């Protein structure tokens, strides 16, 4: 909205350098400002449980709104968080319009609804 995306990206790159962050810490995927992040990590870094619940629902809503603002708003938002797999009934209650892809990966789903 205020056209500060490039400046924020540069500041995040500098923060990564200053803190010695080179990868995600769980694998060798390089950490960059453009790396998609599982929202469970964002919850954990903010001091919440890593799966969606009533305590972090406001943060989740804020993340979704920010994501939609910085992307194609005509496309659905696809979110991935393996910790919410057994929690999908709560997610469906919190977001009744949500659709789910359950399977071993997005490329090879076993069931979608």
N, C-alpha and C. Protein backbone atom coordinates (compact mmCIF):
# COMPACT_ATOMS: atom_id res chain seq x y z
N UNK A 1 0.82 -1.20 0.00
CA UNK A 1 0.00 0.00 0.00
C UNK A 1 0.86 1.25 0.00
N UNK A 2 1.93 1.26 0.77
CA UNK A 2 2.78 2.44 0.82
C UNK A 2 4.07 2.25 0.02
N UNK A 3 4.11 1.22 -0.81
CA UNK A 3 5.23 0.95 -1.73
C UNK A 3 6.56 0.79 -1.00
N UNK A 4 6.54 0.14 0.15
CA UNK A 4 7.77 -0.05 0.93
C UNK A 4 8.27 -1.49 0.85
N UNK A 5 7.74 -2.29 -0.07
CA UNK A 5 8.09 -3.70 -0.15
C UNK A 5 9.58 -3.90 -0.43
N UNK A 6 10.13 -3.16 -1.39
CA UNK A 6 11.56 -3.32 -1.71
C UNK A 6 12.45 -2.94 -0.53
N UNK A 7 12.10 -1.87 0.17
CA UNK A 7 12.89 -1.46 1.33
C UNK A 7 12.79 -2.51 2.43
N UNK A 8 11.61 -3.05 2.66
CA UNK A 8 11.44 -4.09 3.68
C UNK A 8 12.24 -5.33 3.31
N UNK A 9 12.28 -5.69 2.04
CA UNK A 9 13.05 -6.86 1.58
C UNK A 9 14.54 -6.64 1.86
N UNK A 10 15.04 -5.45 1.54
CA UNK A 10 16.45 -5.14 1.79
C UNK A 10 16.78 -5.20 3.29
N UNK A 11 15.88 -4.67 4.11
CA UNK A 11 16.10 -4.68 5.56
C UNK A 11 16.11 -6.11 6.09
N UNK A 12 15.24 -6.96 5.55
CA UNK A 12 15.21 -8.35 5.98
C UNK A 12 16.47 -9.10 5.54
N UNK A 13 16.94 -8.84 4.33
CA UNK A 13 18.20 -9.45 3.87
C UNK A 13 19.34 -9.05 4.80
N UNK A 14 19.38 -7.78 5.19
CA UNK A 14 20.43 -7.30 6.11
C UNK A 14 20.30 -7.95 7.48
N UNK A 15 19.08 -8.10 7.97
CA UNK A 15 18.86 -8.77 9.25
C UNK A 15 19.34 -10.21 9.19
N UNK A 16 19.03 -10.92 8.11
CA UNK A 16 19.51 -12.29 7.94
C UNK A 16 21.03 -12.33 7.99
N UNK A 17 21.69 -11.43 7.26
CA UNK A 17 23.16 -11.39 7.25
C UNK A 17 23.71 -11.12 8.64
N UNK A 18 23.17 -10.12 9.32
CA UNK A 18 23.66 -9.74 10.65
C UNK A 18 23.47 -10.84 11.68
N UNK A 19 22.42 -11.63 11.54
CA UNK A 19 22.17 -12.71 12.50
C UNK A 19 22.71 -14.05 12.03
N UNK A 20 23.39 -14.06 10.87
CA UNK A 20 23.98 -15.28 10.37
C UNK A 20 22.97 -16.31 9.88
N UNK A 21 21.81 -15.86 9.48
CA UNK A 21 20.77 -16.77 8.99
C UNK A 21 21.04 -17.05 7.52
N UNK A 22 21.33 -18.31 7.22
CA UNK A 22 21.62 -18.69 5.84
C UNK A 22 20.60 -19.68 5.28
N UNK A 23 19.99 -20.49 6.17
CA UNK A 23 18.99 -21.45 5.71
C UNK A 23 17.88 -21.54 6.76
N UNK A 24 16.91 -22.42 6.49
CA UNK A 24 15.74 -22.52 7.37
C UNK A 24 16.04 -23.18 8.71
N UNK A 25 17.19 -23.80 8.84
CA UNK A 25 17.56 -24.42 10.10
C UNK A 25 17.09 -25.86 10.24
N UNK A 26 16.19 -26.31 9.39
CA UNK A 26 15.72 -27.70 9.43
C UNK A 26 16.18 -28.47 8.21
N UNK A 27 16.68 -27.76 7.21
CA UNK A 27 17.18 -28.38 5.98
C UNK A 27 18.16 -27.38 5.35
N UNK A 28 18.56 -27.62 4.16
CA UNK A 28 19.54 -26.74 3.51
C UNK A 28 18.90 -25.74 2.56
N UNK A 29 17.61 -25.46 2.72
CA UNK A 29 16.94 -24.48 1.86
C UNK A 29 17.39 -23.09 2.28
N UNK A 30 17.89 -22.33 1.31
CA UNK A 30 18.43 -21.00 1.57
C UNK A 30 17.31 -20.07 2.03
N UNK A 31 17.57 -19.33 3.09
CA UNK A 31 16.61 -18.37 3.63
C UNK A 31 16.74 -17.05 2.89
N UNK A 32 15.66 -16.61 2.29
CA UNK A 32 15.60 -15.31 1.62
C UNK A 32 14.28 -14.66 2.00
N UNK A 33 14.14 -13.35 1.81
CA UNK A 33 12.87 -12.70 2.09
C UNK A 33 11.71 -13.25 1.26
N UNK A 34 12.00 -13.88 0.14
CA UNK A 34 10.95 -14.39 -0.74
C UNK A 34 10.64 -15.87 -0.50
N UNK A 35 11.30 -16.50 0.43
CA UNK A 35 11.07 -17.91 0.72
C UNK A 35 9.70 -18.09 1.37
N UNK A 36 8.84 -18.92 0.80
CA UNK A 36 7.56 -19.18 1.47
C UNK A 36 7.81 -19.79 2.85
N UNK A 37 7.06 -19.33 3.82
CA UNK A 37 7.25 -19.77 5.20
C UNK A 37 5.99 -20.47 5.70
N UNK A 38 6.14 -21.59 6.33
CA UNK A 38 4.99 -22.25 6.95
C UNK A 38 4.56 -21.40 8.14
N UNK A 39 3.27 -21.12 8.20
CA UNK A 39 2.81 -20.21 9.24
C UNK A 39 3.02 -20.77 10.65
N UNK A 40 3.22 -22.07 10.79
CA UNK A 40 3.53 -22.63 12.11
C UNK A 40 4.83 -22.07 12.67
N UNK A 41 5.82 -21.82 11.80
CA UNK A 41 7.07 -21.21 12.25
C UNK A 41 6.84 -19.77 12.69
N UNK A 42 5.98 -19.07 11.96
CA UNK A 42 5.67 -17.68 12.33
C UNK A 42 4.98 -17.65 13.68
N UNK A 43 4.02 -18.57 13.89
CA UNK A 43 3.37 -18.66 15.20
C UNK A 43 4.40 -18.89 16.30
N UNK A 44 5.26 -19.87 16.09
CA UNK A 44 6.25 -20.24 17.10
C UNK A 44 7.18 -19.05 17.41
N UNK A 45 7.62 -18.34 16.37
CA UNK A 45 8.50 -17.19 16.57
C UNK A 45 7.80 -16.05 17.29
N UNK A 46 6.47 -16.02 17.23
CA UNK A 46 5.70 -14.98 17.92
C UNK A 46 5.28 -15.42 19.33
N UNK A 47 5.71 -16.63 19.73
CA UNK A 47 5.42 -17.10 21.08
C UNK A 47 4.14 -17.91 21.22
N UNK A 48 3.57 -18.34 20.10
CA UNK A 48 2.34 -19.14 20.12
C UNK A 48 2.65 -20.60 19.84
N UNK A 49 1.63 -21.44 20.06
CA UNK A 49 1.69 -22.83 19.64
C UNK A 49 1.79 -22.86 18.11
N UNK A 50 2.41 -23.90 17.54
CA UNK A 50 2.66 -23.92 16.10
C UNK A 50 1.45 -24.30 15.25
N UNK A 51 0.33 -24.63 15.86
CA UNK A 51 -0.88 -24.89 15.07
C UNK A 51 -1.93 -23.83 15.40
N UNK A 52 -2.84 -23.63 14.48
CA UNK A 52 -3.85 -22.60 14.63
C UNK A 52 -4.78 -22.89 15.80
N UNK A 53 -5.06 -21.84 16.59
CA UNK A 53 -6.02 -21.93 17.68
C UNK A 53 -6.58 -20.54 17.96
N UNK A 54 -7.47 -20.43 18.93
CA UNK A 54 -8.11 -19.13 19.20
C UNK A 54 -7.11 -18.06 19.63
N UNK A 55 -5.98 -18.46 20.22
CA UNK A 55 -4.99 -17.49 20.69
C UNK A 55 -4.22 -16.83 19.55
N UNK A 56 -3.98 -17.56 18.45
CA UNK A 56 -3.19 -16.99 17.35
C UNK A 56 -4.02 -16.71 16.11
N UNK A 57 -5.35 -16.81 16.22
CA UNK A 57 -6.22 -16.61 15.07
C UNK A 57 -6.11 -15.18 14.52
N UNK A 58 -5.98 -14.19 15.38
CA UNK A 58 -5.83 -12.80 14.92
C UNK A 58 -4.53 -12.64 14.13
N UNK A 59 -3.43 -13.26 14.60
CA UNK A 59 -2.17 -13.20 13.86
C UNK A 59 -2.31 -13.89 12.52
N UNK A 60 -2.98 -15.04 12.51
CA UNK A 60 -3.20 -15.77 11.26
C UNK A 60 -3.98 -14.91 10.27
N UNK A 61 -5.03 -14.26 10.74
CA UNK A 61 -5.83 -13.39 9.87
C UNK A 61 -4.98 -12.25 9.31
N UNK A 62 -4.14 -11.67 10.14
CA UNK A 62 -3.25 -10.60 9.69
C UNK A 62 -2.27 -11.12 8.64
N UNK A 63 -1.72 -12.31 8.84
CA UNK A 63 -0.80 -12.89 7.85
C UNK A 63 -1.51 -13.10 6.51
N UNK A 64 -2.73 -13.60 6.56
CA UNK A 64 -3.48 -13.83 5.32
C UNK A 64 -3.75 -12.52 4.59
N UNK A 65 -4.15 -11.50 5.31
CA UNK A 65 -4.43 -10.20 4.69
C UNK A 65 -3.18 -9.61 4.06
N UNK A 66 -2.05 -9.69 4.75
CA UNK A 66 -0.80 -9.17 4.20
C UNK A 66 -0.38 -9.95 2.97
N UNK A 67 -0.55 -11.26 3.02
CA UNK A 67 -0.20 -12.10 1.88
C UNK A 67 -1.05 -11.74 0.67
N UNK A 68 -2.34 -11.59 0.88
CA UNK A 68 -3.24 -11.25 -0.22
C UNK A 68 -2.92 -9.87 -0.79
N UNK A 69 -2.55 -8.91 0.05
CA UNK A 69 -2.22 -7.58 -0.44
C UNK A 69 -0.99 -7.58 -1.34
N UNK A 70 -0.05 -8.46 -1.05
CA UNK A 70 1.21 -8.46 -1.80
C UNK A 70 1.22 -9.48 -2.93
N UNK A 71 0.07 -10.08 -3.23
CA UNK A 71 0.01 -11.07 -4.30
C UNK A 71 -1.24 -10.83 -5.15
N UNK A 72 -1.50 -11.73 -6.07
CA UNK A 72 -2.66 -11.63 -6.93
C UNK A 72 -3.91 -11.90 -6.09
N UNK A 73 -4.71 -10.88 -5.86
CA UNK A 73 -5.87 -11.00 -4.98
C UNK A 73 -7.00 -11.82 -5.60
N UNK A 74 -6.93 -12.11 -6.89
CA UNK A 74 -7.96 -12.91 -7.55
C UNK A 74 -7.70 -14.40 -7.42
N UNK A 75 -6.55 -14.76 -6.91
CA UNK A 75 -6.20 -16.17 -6.75
C UNK A 75 -6.44 -16.59 -5.31
N UNK A 76 -6.85 -17.84 -5.09
CA UNK A 76 -7.03 -18.30 -3.71
C UNK A 76 -5.69 -18.37 -2.99
N UNK A 77 -5.74 -18.23 -1.70
CA UNK A 77 -4.54 -18.29 -0.86
C UNK A 77 -4.32 -19.74 -0.45
N UNK A 78 -3.16 -20.27 -0.78
CA UNK A 78 -2.81 -21.65 -0.42
C UNK A 78 -1.85 -21.60 0.76
N UNK A 79 -2.26 -22.22 1.85
CA UNK A 79 -1.46 -22.22 3.07
C UNK A 79 -1.05 -23.64 3.42
N UNK A 80 0.16 -23.77 3.93
CA UNK A 80 0.69 -25.08 4.28
C UNK A 80 1.29 -25.02 5.68
N UNK A 81 0.83 -25.93 6.51
CA UNK A 81 1.38 -26.05 7.86
C UNK A 81 1.16 -27.49 8.31
N UNK A 82 2.19 -28.32 8.28
CA UNK A 82 1.99 -29.73 8.62
C UNK A 82 1.44 -29.96 10.02
N UNK A 83 1.65 -29.03 10.93
CA UNK A 83 1.16 -29.21 12.29
C UNK A 83 -0.36 -29.09 12.37
N UNK A 84 -0.98 -28.47 11.38
CA UNK A 84 -2.43 -28.35 11.39
C UNK A 84 -3.14 -29.52 10.72
N UNK A 85 -2.40 -30.49 10.22
CA UNK A 85 -3.04 -31.65 9.61
C UNK A 85 -4.06 -32.31 10.55
N UNK A 86 -3.68 -32.64 11.80
CA UNK A 86 -4.68 -33.25 12.69
C UNK A 86 -5.65 -32.22 13.28
N UNK A 87 -5.45 -30.96 12.97
CA UNK A 87 -6.22 -29.86 13.53
C UNK A 87 -7.22 -29.29 12.52
N UNK A 88 -7.46 -30.01 11.41
CA UNK A 88 -8.24 -29.41 10.34
C UNK A 88 -9.69 -29.13 10.73
N UNK A 89 -10.24 -29.83 11.72
CA UNK A 89 -11.61 -29.54 12.14
C UNK A 89 -11.71 -28.15 12.78
N UNK A 90 -10.70 -27.78 13.58
CA UNK A 90 -10.68 -26.42 14.15
C UNK A 90 -10.53 -25.39 13.03
N UNK A 91 -9.63 -25.65 12.09
CA UNK A 91 -9.41 -24.72 10.99
C UNK A 91 -10.71 -24.52 10.20
N UNK A 92 -11.42 -25.61 9.94
CA UNK A 92 -12.69 -25.51 9.20
C UNK A 92 -13.73 -24.73 10.00
N UNK A 93 -13.71 -24.87 11.32
CA UNK A 93 -14.64 -24.11 12.16
C UNK A 93 -14.28 -22.62 12.12
N UNK A 94 -12.99 -22.31 12.21
CA UNK A 94 -12.55 -20.92 12.20
C UNK A 94 -12.70 -20.27 10.82
N UNK A 95 -12.51 -21.07 9.77
CA UNK A 95 -12.57 -20.59 8.38
C UNK A 95 -13.51 -21.51 7.59
N UNK A 96 -14.83 -21.36 7.75
CA UNK A 96 -15.77 -22.28 7.09
C UNK A 96 -15.63 -22.35 5.58
N UNK A 97 -15.15 -21.30 4.95
CA UNK A 97 -14.99 -21.30 3.49
C UNK A 97 -13.70 -21.97 3.03
N UNK A 98 -12.89 -22.43 3.96
CA UNK A 98 -11.60 -23.04 3.62
C UNK A 98 -11.80 -24.36 2.87
N UNK A 99 -10.88 -24.62 1.96
CA UNK A 99 -10.80 -25.89 1.24
C UNK A 99 -9.52 -26.58 1.72
N UNK A 100 -9.50 -27.90 1.70
CA UNK A 100 -8.36 -28.64 2.21
C UNK A 100 -7.83 -29.60 1.17
N UNK A 101 -6.54 -29.76 1.15
CA UNK A 101 -5.87 -30.80 0.38
C UNK A 101 -5.12 -31.63 1.40
N UNK A 102 -5.53 -32.86 1.57
CA UNK A 102 -4.89 -33.74 2.53
C UNK A 102 -4.18 -34.83 1.75
N UNK A 103 -2.93 -35.04 2.03
CA UNK A 103 -2.16 -36.06 1.35
C UNK A 103 -0.70 -35.95 1.73
N UNK A 104 0.13 -36.69 1.03
CA UNK A 104 1.55 -36.65 1.34
C UNK A 104 2.22 -35.43 0.72
N UNK A 105 1.56 -34.76 -0.21
CA UNK A 105 2.09 -33.52 -0.77
C UNK A 105 1.00 -32.86 -1.59
N UNK A 106 1.22 -31.61 -1.93
CA UNK A 106 0.27 -30.88 -2.78
C UNK A 106 0.26 -31.48 -4.17
N UNK A 107 1.38 -32.02 -4.63
CA UNK A 107 1.45 -32.62 -5.96
C UNK A 107 0.76 -33.97 -6.03
N UNK A 108 0.62 -34.64 -4.89
CA UNK A 108 0.06 -35.99 -4.89
C UNK A 108 -1.01 -36.10 -3.78
N UNK A 109 -2.07 -35.30 -3.87
CA UNK A 109 -3.07 -35.33 -2.79
C UNK A 109 -3.85 -36.63 -2.80
N UNK A 110 -4.28 -37.04 -1.61
CA UNK A 110 -5.10 -38.24 -1.53
C UNK A 110 -6.57 -37.88 -1.45
N UNK A 111 -6.87 -36.68 -0.99
CA UNK A 111 -8.27 -36.25 -0.92
C UNK A 111 -8.32 -34.73 -0.82
N UNK A 112 -9.22 -34.13 -1.54
CA UNK A 112 -9.40 -32.69 -1.47
C UNK A 112 -10.89 -32.39 -1.31
N UNK A 113 -11.23 -31.41 -0.50
CA UNK A 113 -12.61 -30.95 -0.39
C UNK A 113 -12.63 -29.52 0.11
